[in-house]
Structure formats: structure tokens, C-alpha cells
N, C-alpha and C. Protein backbone atom coordinates (compact mmCIF):
# COMPACT_ATOMS: atom_id res chain seq x y z
N MET A 1 -10.97 1.48 2.93
CA MET A 1 -10.95 -0.02 3.06
C MET A 1 -9.64 -0.56 3.70
N LYS A 2 -9.80 -1.89 4.38
CA LYS A 2 -8.70 -2.20 4.58
C LYS A 2 -7.51 -2.91 3.72
N VAL A 3 -6.45 -2.87 3.94
CA VAL A 3 -5.48 -3.39 2.79
C VAL A 3 -4.18 -3.47 3.51
N LYS A 4 -3.51 -4.48 2.55
CA LYS A 4 -1.98 -4.76 3.14
C LYS A 4 -1.16 -4.35 1.82
N LEU A 5 -0.20 -3.72 2.24
CA LEU A 5 0.95 -3.32 1.28
C LEU A 5 2.29 -4.05 1.50
N THR A 6 2.83 -4.66 0.37
CA THR A 6 3.85 -5.57 0.72
C THR A 6 5.22 -5.00 -0.31
N LYS A 7 6.06 -4.61 0.09
CA LYS A 7 7.39 -4.16 -0.59
C LYS A 7 7.80 -5.38 -1.20
N LEU A 8 8.11 -5.50 -2.60
CA LEU A 8 8.13 -6.59 -3.36
C LEU A 8 9.84 -6.17 -3.87
N SER A 9 10.05 -4.76 -4.18
CA SER A 9 11.63 -4.47 -4.53
C SER A 9 11.43 -2.95 -4.59
N ASN A 10 12.76 -2.44 -4.21
CA ASN A 10 13.04 -0.96 -4.21
C ASN A 10 14.58 -0.82 -4.31
N ASN A 11 14.45 0.44 -4.49
CA ASN A 11 16.02 0.99 -4.17
C ASN A 11 16.20 1.95 -3.12
N HIS A 12 15.57 2.10 -2.30
CA HIS A 12 15.78 2.92 -0.99
C HIS A 12 14.95 2.31 0.23
N ASN A 13 15.33 2.86 1.40
CA ASN A 13 14.83 2.40 2.73
C ASN A 13 13.71 3.11 3.43
N ASN A 14 13.08 3.72 2.38
CA ASN A 14 11.89 4.58 3.06
C ASN A 14 10.88 4.06 3.77
N LEU A 15 10.61 2.68 3.45
CA LEU A 15 9.47 1.81 4.20
C LEU A 15 9.98 1.11 4.92
N ARG A 16 10.16 1.20 6.35
CA ARG A 16 10.71 0.62 7.32
C ARG A 16 10.45 -0.95 7.70
N THR A 17 9.29 -1.51 7.03
CA THR A 17 8.90 -2.91 7.34
C THR A 17 8.60 -3.29 5.91
N LYS A 18 8.81 -4.56 5.74
CA LYS A 18 8.37 -5.19 4.38
C LYS A 18 6.68 -5.23 4.09
N GLU A 19 6.09 -5.33 5.24
CA GLU A 19 4.27 -5.26 5.13
C GLU A 19 4.04 -4.44 5.88
N VAL A 20 2.92 -3.76 5.47
CA VAL A 20 2.12 -2.73 6.33
C VAL A 20 0.39 -3.16 6.07
N ILE A 21 -0.16 -3.23 7.11
CA ILE A 21 -1.67 -3.54 7.07
C ILE A 21 -2.36 -2.08 7.56
N GLY A 22 -3.39 -1.83 6.90
CA GLY A 22 -3.76 -0.61 7.26
C GLY A 22 -5.10 -0.14 6.51
N SER A 23 -5.30 1.15 6.19
CA SER A 23 -6.48 1.82 5.70
C SER A 23 -6.14 2.65 4.52
N ALA A 24 -6.88 2.51 3.47
CA ALA A 24 -6.66 3.55 2.17
C ALA A 24 -8.02 3.95 1.77
N ASP A 25 -8.09 5.33 1.32
CA ASP A 25 -9.29 5.82 1.04
C ASP A 25 -9.50 5.48 -0.53
N LYS A 26 -8.52 4.95 -1.27
CA LYS A 26 -9.01 4.61 -2.57
C LYS A 26 -7.79 3.70 -3.29
N LEU A 27 -8.14 2.97 -4.27
CA LEU A 27 -7.20 2.13 -4.75
C LEU A 27 -6.14 2.98 -5.61
N PRO A 28 -5.12 2.51 -6.13
CA PRO A 28 -4.03 3.17 -6.77
C PRO A 28 -4.51 3.62 -7.90
N VAL A 29 -4.00 4.76 -8.44
CA VAL A 29 -4.23 5.33 -9.57
C VAL A 29 -3.00 5.83 -10.30
N VAL A 30 -2.87 5.52 -11.75
CA VAL A 30 -1.56 5.86 -12.37
C VAL A 30 -1.31 7.24 -12.33
N GLY A 31 -0.40 7.74 -11.92
CA GLY A 31 -0.16 9.20 -11.95
C GLY A 31 -0.29 9.97 -10.66
N GLU A 32 -0.86 9.10 -9.86
CA GLU A 32 -0.91 9.70 -8.27
C GLU A 32 -0.15 8.74 -7.39
N ARG A 33 0.09 9.28 -6.23
CA ARG A 33 0.55 8.71 -4.96
C ARG A 33 -0.35 7.60 -4.35
N PHE A 34 0.07 6.53 -4.04
CA PHE A 34 -0.77 5.51 -3.44
C PHE A 34 -0.47 5.92 -1.87
N VAL A 35 -1.67 5.95 -1.14
CA VAL A 35 -1.59 6.84 0.18
C VAL A 35 -2.31 5.83 1.22
N MET A 36 -1.82 5.77 2.17
CA MET A 36 -2.35 4.66 3.39
C MET A 36 -1.88 5.20 4.51
N THR A 37 -2.70 4.73 5.49
CA THR A 37 -2.37 4.99 7.07
C THR A 37 -2.55 3.74 7.88
N SER A 38 -1.59 3.66 8.96
CA SER A 38 -1.82 2.35 9.90
C SER A 38 -1.53 2.75 11.53
N ARG A 39 -1.43 1.60 12.07
CA ARG A 39 -0.79 1.81 13.30
C ARG A 39 0.52 2.32 13.22
N PRO A 40 0.98 3.33 14.41
CA PRO A 40 2.38 3.90 14.23
C PRO A 40 3.33 2.88 14.51
N LEU A 41 4.46 3.04 14.41
CA LEU A 41 5.84 2.06 14.53
C LEU A 41 6.51 2.67 15.85
N ASP A 42 6.66 3.96 15.84
CA ASP A 42 7.14 4.49 17.27
C ASP A 42 6.10 4.99 18.33
N GLN A 43 6.47 4.77 19.66
CA GLN A 43 6.02 4.89 20.56
C GLN A 43 5.54 6.71 20.75
N GLY A 44 4.34 7.00 21.03
CA GLY A 44 4.04 8.46 21.25
C GLY A 44 3.58 8.97 19.96
N ALA A 45 3.58 8.41 18.69
CA ALA A 45 2.94 8.87 17.53
C ALA A 45 1.48 8.20 17.48
N SER A 46 0.81 8.94 16.72
CA SER A 46 -0.82 8.79 16.77
C SER A 46 -1.13 8.00 15.23
N VAL A 47 -0.11 8.36 14.41
CA VAL A 47 -0.55 7.18 13.07
C VAL A 47 1.01 7.23 12.35
N ARG A 48 0.70 6.27 11.15
CA ARG A 48 1.90 6.10 10.38
C ARG A 48 1.10 6.40 9.15
N LEU A 49 1.93 7.38 8.33
CA LEU A 49 1.53 7.56 7.07
C LEU A 49 2.30 6.93 5.99
N ILE A 50 1.81 6.32 4.91
CA ILE A 50 2.60 5.79 3.95
C ILE A 50 2.04 6.36 2.56
N SER A 51 3.14 6.96 1.86
CA SER A 51 2.78 7.55 0.58
C SER A 51 3.94 7.39 -0.33
N THR A 52 3.44 6.59 -1.60
CA THR A 52 4.41 6.06 -2.37
C THR A 52 4.62 7.69 -3.57
N SER A 53 5.66 7.14 -4.06
CA SER A 53 6.14 8.07 -5.08
C SER A 53 4.95 7.91 -6.30
N PRO A 54 4.60 8.62 -7.20
CA PRO A 54 3.53 8.43 -8.08
C PRO A 54 3.61 6.86 -8.80
N VAL A 55 2.40 6.31 -8.97
CA VAL A 55 2.29 5.26 -9.78
C VAL A 55 2.53 4.92 -11.24
N THR A 56 3.38 4.36 -11.60
CA THR A 56 3.59 4.60 -13.25
C THR A 56 2.97 3.34 -13.95
N GLY A 57 2.39 2.31 -13.15
CA GLY A 57 1.90 0.92 -13.65
C GLY A 57 1.06 0.06 -12.66
N ILE A 58 0.04 -0.25 -12.95
CA ILE A 58 -0.82 -1.23 -12.23
C ILE A 58 -1.28 -2.39 -12.94
N TYR A 59 -1.25 -3.55 -12.30
CA TYR A 59 -1.46 -5.02 -12.76
C TYR A 59 -2.49 -5.43 -11.85
N HIS A 60 -3.55 -5.97 -12.30
CA HIS A 60 -4.63 -6.35 -11.30
C HIS A 60 -4.63 -7.90 -11.18
N ASP A 61 -4.93 -8.21 -10.35
CA ASP A 61 -5.20 -9.89 -10.26
C ASP A 61 -6.54 -10.37 -9.24
N PHE A 62 -7.69 -10.43 -9.86
CA PHE A 62 -8.99 -10.78 -9.17
C PHE A 62 -9.09 -12.23 -9.32
N ASN A 63 -9.46 -13.07 -8.14
CA ASN A 63 -9.91 -14.29 -8.18
C ASN A 63 -10.93 -14.18 -7.34
N LEU A 64 -11.34 -15.33 -6.83
CA LEU A 64 -12.60 -15.52 -5.84
C LEU A 64 -12.38 -15.39 -4.44
N HIS A 65 -11.05 -15.40 -3.90
CA HIS A 65 -10.77 -15.25 -2.90
C HIS A 65 -9.79 -13.89 -2.35
N SER A 66 -9.56 -13.04 -3.54
CA SER A 66 -8.48 -11.95 -3.09
C SER A 66 -8.73 -10.86 -4.28
N GLU A 67 -8.33 -9.68 -4.02
CA GLU A 67 -8.03 -8.68 -4.94
C GLU A 67 -6.77 -7.96 -5.00
N LEU A 68 -5.96 -8.51 -5.88
CA LEU A 68 -4.55 -7.93 -5.80
C LEU A 68 -4.30 -7.11 -6.74
N TYR A 69 -3.32 -5.93 -6.39
CA TYR A 69 -2.98 -5.21 -7.31
C TYR A 69 -1.17 -4.96 -7.33
N THR A 70 -0.49 -5.20 -8.39
CA THR A 70 0.95 -5.11 -8.23
C THR A 70 0.82 -3.64 -8.63
N ILE A 71 1.78 -2.89 -7.93
CA ILE A 71 2.01 -1.31 -8.49
C ILE A 71 3.65 -1.13 -8.69
N LYS A 72 3.94 -0.30 -9.75
CA LYS A 72 5.09 -0.11 -9.93
C LYS A 72 5.15 1.66 -9.88
N THR A 73 5.93 2.20 -9.16
CA THR A 73 6.59 3.56 -8.87
C THR A 73 7.77 3.76 -9.46
N GLU A 74 8.36 5.00 -9.42
CA GLU A 74 9.63 5.40 -9.81
C GLU A 74 10.63 4.41 -9.48
N ASN A 75 10.50 4.05 -8.11
CA ASN A 75 11.53 3.73 -7.17
C ASN A 75 11.59 2.07 -6.75
N SER A 76 10.12 1.67 -6.83
CA SER A 76 9.67 0.57 -6.36
C SER A 76 8.58 -0.28 -6.75
N THR A 77 8.35 -1.68 -6.52
CA THR A 77 7.38 -2.25 -6.84
C THR A 77 6.61 -3.14 -5.58
N TYR A 78 5.10 -2.65 -5.46
CA TYR A 78 4.31 -2.99 -4.26
C TYR A 78 3.46 -4.21 -4.62
N LEU A 79 3.01 -4.78 -3.86
CA LEU A 79 1.79 -5.53 -3.93
C LEU A 79 0.87 -5.04 -2.80
N ILE A 80 -0.55 -4.76 -3.63
CA ILE A 80 -1.60 -4.21 -2.69
C ILE A 80 -2.67 -5.21 -2.54
N GLU A 81 -3.03 -5.68 -1.30
CA GLU A 81 -4.29 -6.75 -1.32
C GLU A 81 -5.36 -6.19 -0.58
N VAL A 82 -6.53 -5.96 -1.29
CA VAL A 82 -7.57 -5.63 -0.47
C VAL A 82 -8.08 -6.69 0.38
N LEU A 83 -8.10 -6.13 1.83
CA LEU A 83 -8.53 -7.34 2.89
C LEU A 83 -10.13 -7.33 3.08
N ASP A 84 -10.50 -5.78 3.05
CA ASP A 84 -12.08 -5.69 3.19
C ASP A 84 -12.35 -4.24 2.78
N LYS A 85 -13.12 -4.30 1.70
CA LYS A 85 -13.37 -2.98 1.07
C LYS A 85 -14.04 -1.91 2.04
N HIS A 86 -14.76 -2.48 3.33
CA HIS A 86 -15.65 -1.58 3.77
C HIS A 86 -14.76 -1.48 5.13
N GLY A 87 -13.56 -2.14 5.30
CA GLY A 87 -12.93 -2.09 6.61
C GLY A 87 -12.10 -1.04 7.02
N GLN A 88 -11.62 -0.67 8.14
CA GLN A 88 -10.83 0.21 8.57
C GLN A 88 -9.68 -0.49 9.43
N ASP A 89 -8.52 0.06 9.38
CA ASP A 89 -7.50 -0.48 10.39
C ASP A 89 -7.68 -0.53 11.72
């Protein structure tokens, strides 16, 4: 599915951009890492891989226009917006 990951807060600099649009195979699950891929930032790379630390909390927000998940990890808080359930980056 096509998703947008937005960094809301963190205590590290491991995610080099505030937002990443790409593909995820599944929605976040407590106790597991949220993993997604996107276009690479570096020339010569084939893919950008994003893997959070294990998710400790998930907060859902569904409305007519969007499907949003705020996830907390050990070090960060992210917003995940599902852009297209069947789409790829």
C-alpha cells in the first residue's frame, strides 16, 4: 500500500527527512517494527528502507477522506497516512 510517514517527534537523527512517501506491506503492529520502502535519497542507491524501532502504541483516526495512524516507538512519534490501499510507490 502507498503510505506517507511523517516524523512528529524523536530523539535521534536516523530519519533524514521529515516526510517519506513510499510503500508498506502492512499496517503498524504493536511490538513490531514498521517497515516501508521509498525512492532512494542517494544517487546510485536502488531503494530507501525505513524501519522504526518496535511500535509501542498505535492511535487510529479514520474519516471519510483519510486513514491515519499515529504510532509511538521507543524513541519517536510518527504519523502514517494511508494514501492508497492498493498502490505502490
